[in-house]
Amino acid sequence: MNLSFLGYGMRGVFEAGLIALAAGLVVFALVHGLLRRRMRWSDAHEIGWSWLVAVAIGAGADTWQLFYLSVIPLQSPVTIRRVLADIHDPDYLSTRVFMEFAAVSLGVMLGWWIARLRRHMGGASGQDRK
């Protein structure tokens, strides 16, 4: 995946984190708005599926590259150069993956907190309350 729009170093880490945070919020809002009542999900189902989908969207490419880098045999300099050339900012790859996972978690939980606050403030119907 082409991540050339991200900066390098810690700037790129924080940019990827903001994108993952937004992905977590948006995915939770979609799951909460579209699937909660239809599937009769509890909060745990809603949070779990939202987190899983948001991680696939927000951290999928970097997580795959980190996994691929640890699986393939890096025995020749040519192979190492080829693999590293496909990775945007390989020096900060693991930091970026950690930040993306943390930001997705924060985004989903922030979305859950906002939805819960709206439910208790009277923003939802009486059927949705517990």
C-alpha atoms as a PDB file:
ATOM      1  CA  MET A   1       0.000   0.000   0.000  1.00  0.00           C
ATOM      2  CA  ASN A   2       1.304   3.448  -0.870  1.00  0.00           C
ATOM      3  CA  LEU A   3       1.680   5.483   2.311  1.00  0.00           C
ATOM      4  CA  SER A   4       3.644   8.310   0.720  1.00  0.00           C
ATOM      5  CA  PHE A   5       1.175  10.878   2.092  1.00  0.00           C
ATOM      6  CA  LEU A   6       2.493  10.167   5.615  1.00  0.00           C
ATOM      7  CA  GLY A   7       5.467  12.037   6.965  1.00  0.00           C
ATOM      8  CA  TYR A   8       8.653  10.433   8.186  1.00  0.00           C
ATOM      9  CA  GLY A   9       9.722   9.789  11.757  1.00  0.00           C
ATOM     10  CA  MET A  10       7.480  10.632  14.665  1.00  0.00           C
ATOM     11  CA  ARG A  11       5.438  12.999  12.509  1.00  0.00           C
ATOM     12  CA  GLY A  12       4.357  10.040  10.356  1.00  0.00           C
ATOM     13  CA  VAL A  13       3.631   7.990  13.477  1.00  0.00           C
ATOM     14  CA  PHE A  14       1.274  10.668  14.806  1.00  0.00           C
ATOM     15  CA  GLU A  15      -0.372  11.155  11.414  1.00  0.00           C
ATOM     16  CA  ALA A  16      -1.019   7.406  11.154  1.00  0.00           C
ATOM     17  CA  GLY A  17      -2.372   7.506  14.707  1.00  0.00           C
ATOM     18  CA  LEU A  18      -4.824  10.278  13.838  1.00  0.00           C
ATOM     19  CA  ILE A  19      -6.031   8.354  10.806  1.00  0.00           C
ATOM     20  CA  ALA A  20      -6.498   5.222  12.926  1.00  0.00           C
ATOM     21  CA  LEU A  21      -8.333   7.227  15.606  1.00  0.00           C
ATOM     22  CA  ALA A  22     -10.727   8.578  12.980  1.00  0.00           C
ATOM     23  CA  ALA A  23     -11.198   5.065  11.565  1.00  0.00           C
ATOM     24  CA  GLY A  24     -12.093   3.770  15.031  1.00  0.00           C
ATOM     25  CA  LEU A  25     -14.666   6.511  15.581  1.00  0.00           C
ATOM     26  CA  VAL A  26     -16.249   6.141  12.143  1.00  0.00           C
ATOM     27  CA  VAL A  27     -16.424   2.340  12.241  1.00  0.00           C
ATOM     28  CA  PHE A  28     -17.946   2.382  15.731  1.00  0.00           C
ATOM     29  CA  ALA A  29     -20.515   4.963  14.632  1.00  0.00           C
ATOM     30  CA  LEU A  30     -21.456   2.812  11.620  1.00  0.00           C
ATOM     31  CA  VAL A  31     -21.698  -0.383  13.664  1.00  0.00           C
ATOM     32  CA  HIS A  32     -23.672   1.376  16.374  1.00  0.00           C
ATOM     33  CA  GLY A  33     -26.027   3.048  13.926  1.00  0.00           C
ATOM     34  CA  LEU A  34     -26.553   0.196  11.485  1.00  0.00           C
ATOM     35  CA  LEU A  35     -26.053  -3.110  13.278  1.00  0.00           C
ATOM     36  CA  ARG A  36     -26.758  -2.742  16.993  1.00  0.00           C
ATOM     37  CA  ARG A  37     -30.542  -3.010  16.881  1.00  0.00           C
ATOM     38  CA  ARG A  38     -30.728  -5.350  13.900  1.00  0.00           C
ATOM     39  CA  MET A  39     -28.335  -7.882  15.400  1.00  0.00           C
ATOM     40  CA  ARG A  40     -29.391  -7.204  19.013  1.00  0.00           C
ATOM     41  CA  TRP A  41     -25.784  -6.805  20.048  1.00  0.00           C
ATOM     42  CA  SER A  42     -24.578  -5.973  23.514  1.00  0.00           C
ATOM     43  CA  ASP A  43     -21.937  -3.312  24.087  1.00  0.00           C
ATOM     44  CA  ALA A  44     -19.223  -5.978  24.081  1.00  0.00           C
ATOM     45  CA  HIS A  45     -20.196  -7.286  20.636  1.00  0.00           C
ATOM     46  CA  GLU A  46     -20.401  -3.768  19.308  1.00  0.00           C
ATOM     47  CA  ILE A  47     -16.980  -2.792  20.673  1.00  0.00           C
ATOM     48  CA  GLY A  48     -15.320  -6.041  19.612  1.00  0.00           C
ATOM     49  CA  TRP A  49     -16.503  -6.040  16.003  1.00  0.00           C
ATOM     50  CA  SER A  50     -15.872  -2.328  15.651  1.00  0.00           C
ATOM     51  CA  TRP A  51     -12.335  -2.724  16.930  1.00  0.00           C
ATOM     52  CA  LEU A  52     -11.606  -5.659  14.647  1.00  0.00           C
ATOM     53  CA  VAL A  53     -12.843  -3.888  11.512  1.00  0.00           C
ATOM     54  CA  ALA A  54     -11.150  -0.607  12.464  1.00  0.00           C
ATOM     55  CA  VAL A  55      -7.803  -2.352  13.048  1.00  0.00           C
ATOM     56  CA  ALA A  56      -8.070  -3.988   9.640  1.00  0.00           C
ATOM     57  CA  ILE A  57      -8.707  -0.580   8.074  1.00  0.00           C
ATOM     58  CA  GLY A  58      -6.443   1.632  10.165  1.00  0.00           C
ATOM     59  CA  ALA A  59      -3.481  -0.641  10.806  1.00  0.00           C
ATOM     60  CA  GLY A  60      -3.816  -3.438   8.280  1.00  0.00           C
ATOM     61  CA  ALA A  61      -1.117  -2.431   5.794  1.00  0.00           C
ATOM     62  CA  ASP A  62       1.560  -1.668   8.372  1.00  0.00           C
ATOM     63  CA  THR A  63       0.709  -4.744  10.440  1.00  0.00           C
ATOM     64  CA  TRP A  64       0.989  -6.928   7.353  1.00  0.00           C
ATOM     65  CA  GLN A  65       4.374  -5.425   6.457  1.00  0.00           C
ATOM     66  CA  LEU A  66       5.658  -5.962   9.997  1.00  0.00           C
ATOM     67  CA  PHE A  67       4.440  -9.571   9.937  1.00  0.00           C
ATOM     68  CA  TYR A  68       5.901 -10.185   6.459  1.00  0.00           C
ATOM     69  CA  LEU A  69       9.232  -8.706   7.528  1.00  0.00           C
ATOM     70  CA  SER A  70       9.457 -11.143  10.416  1.00  0.00           C
ATOM     71  CA  VAL A  71       8.462 -14.220   8.369  1.00  0.00           C
ATOM     72  CA  ILE A  72      10.496 -14.046   5.181  1.00  0.00           C
ATOM     73  CA  PRO A  73      14.131 -15.161   5.277  1.00  0.00           C
ATOM     74  CA  LEU A  74      16.342 -12.097   4.982  1.00  0.00           C
ATOM     75  CA  GLN A  75      19.510 -13.894   3.921  1.00  0.00           C
ATOM     76  CA  SER A  76      20.771 -11.744   1.097  1.00  0.00           C
ATOM     77  CA  PRO A  77      21.308  -7.988   0.839  1.00  0.00           C
ATOM     78  CA  VAL A  78      19.257  -7.950  -2.363  1.00  0.00           C
ATOM     79  CA  THR A  79      16.232  -9.428  -0.571  1.00  0.00           C
ATOM     80  CA  ILE A  80      16.633  -7.024   2.321  1.00  0.00           C
ATOM     81  CA  ARG A  81      16.807  -4.005  -0.009  1.00  0.00           C
ATOM     82  CA  ARG A  82      13.779  -5.204  -1.994  1.00  0.00           C
ATOM     83  CA  VAL A  83      11.648  -5.728   1.107  1.00  0.00           C
ATOM     84  CA  LEU A  84      12.673  -2.456   2.760  1.00  0.00           C
ATOM     85  CA  ALA A  85      12.037  -0.509  -0.440  1.00  0.00           C
ATOM     86  CA  ASP A  86       8.341  -1.474  -0.270  1.00  0.00           C
ATOM     87  CA  ILE A  87       7.929  -0.171   3.288  1.00  0.00           C
ATOM     88  CA  HIS A  88       7.241   3.494   3.955  1.00  0.00           C
ATOM     89  CA  ASP A  89       9.682   4.612   6.674  1.00  0.00           C
ATOM     90  CA  PRO A  90      10.894   1.185   7.845  1.00  0.00           C
ATOM     91  CA  ASP A  91      12.745   2.740  10.808  1.00  0.00           C
ATOM     92  CA  TYR A  92       9.438   3.634  12.485  1.00  0.00           C
ATOM     93  CA  LEU A  93       7.293   0.728  11.268  1.00  0.00           C
ATOM     94  CA  SER A  94       6.828  -0.972  14.641  1.00  0.00           C
ATOM     95  CA  THR A  95       6.195   2.358  16.386  1.00  0.00           C
ATOM     96  CA  ARG A  96       3.590   3.197  13.748  1.00  0.00           C
ATOM     97  CA  VAL A  97       1.851  -0.171  14.215  1.00  0.00           C
ATOM     98  CA  PHE A  98       1.760   0.296  17.991  1.00  0.00           C
ATOM     99  CA  MET A  99       0.354   3.813  17.619  1.00  0.00           C
ATOM    100  CA  GLU A 100      -2.277   2.615  15.138  1.00  0.00           C
ATOM    101  CA  PHE A 101      -3.468  -0.141  17.479  1.00  0.00           C
ATOM    102  CA  ALA A 102      -3.595   2.260  20.432  1.00  0.00           C
ATOM    103  CA  ALA A 103      -5.381   4.939  18.398  1.00  0.00           C
ATOM    104  CA  VAL A 104      -7.978   2.509  17.019  1.00  0.00           C
ATOM    105  CA  SER A 105      -8.665   1.330  20.567  1.00  0.00           C
ATOM    106  CA  LEU A 106      -9.009   4.911  21.752  1.00  0.00           C
ATOM    107  CA  GLY A 107     -11.284   5.807  18.829  1.00  0.00           C
ATOM    108  CA  VAL A 108     -13.624   2.868  19.391  1.00  0.00           C
ATOM    109  CA  MET A 109     -13.810   3.488  23.118  1.00  0.00           C
ATOM    110  CA  LEU A 110     -14.382   7.206  22.578  1.00  0.00           C
ATOM    111  CA  GLY A 111     -17.214   6.355  20.184  1.00  0.00           C
ATOM    112  CA  TRP A 112     -18.700   3.952  22.735  1.00  0.00           C
ATOM    113  CA  TRP A 113     -18.454   6.585  25.451  1.00  0.00           C
ATOM    114  CA  ILE A 114     -20.204   9.182  23.272  1.00  0.00           C
ATOM    115  CA  ALA A 115     -22.956   6.704  22.326  1.00  0.00           C
ATOM    116  CA  ARG A 116     -23.443   5.713  25.958  1.00  0.00           C
ATOM    117  CA  LEU A 117     -23.597   9.354  27.012  1.00  0.00           C
ATOM    118  CA  ARG A 118     -26.222  10.066  24.335  1.00  0.00           C
ATOM    119  CA  ARG A 119     -28.248   7.037  25.470  1.00  0.00           C
ATOM    120  CA  HIS A 120     -28.269   8.160  29.094  1.00  0.00           C
ATOM    121  CA  MET A 121     -29.003  11.768  28.224  1.00  0.00           C
ATOM    122  CA  GLY A 122     -32.180  10.729  26.392  1.00  0.00           C
ATOM    123  CA  GLY A 123     -30.842  10.819  22.858  1.00  0.00           C
ATOM    124  CA  ALA A 124     -31.997   7.281  22.041  1.00  0.00           C
ATOM    125  CA  SER A 125     -35.310   5.510  22.223  1.00  0.00           C
ATOM    126  CA  GLY A 126     -36.415   3.679  25.318  1.00  0.00           C
ATOM    127  CA  GLN A 127     -35.919   0.285  23.641  1.00  0.00           C
ATOM    128  CA  ASP A 128     -32.162   0.792  23.384  1.00  0.00           C
ATOM    129  CA  ARG A 129     -31.717   1.504  27.098  1.00  0.00           C
ATOM    130  CA  LYS A 130     -30.952  -1.216  29.585  1.00  0.00           C
END
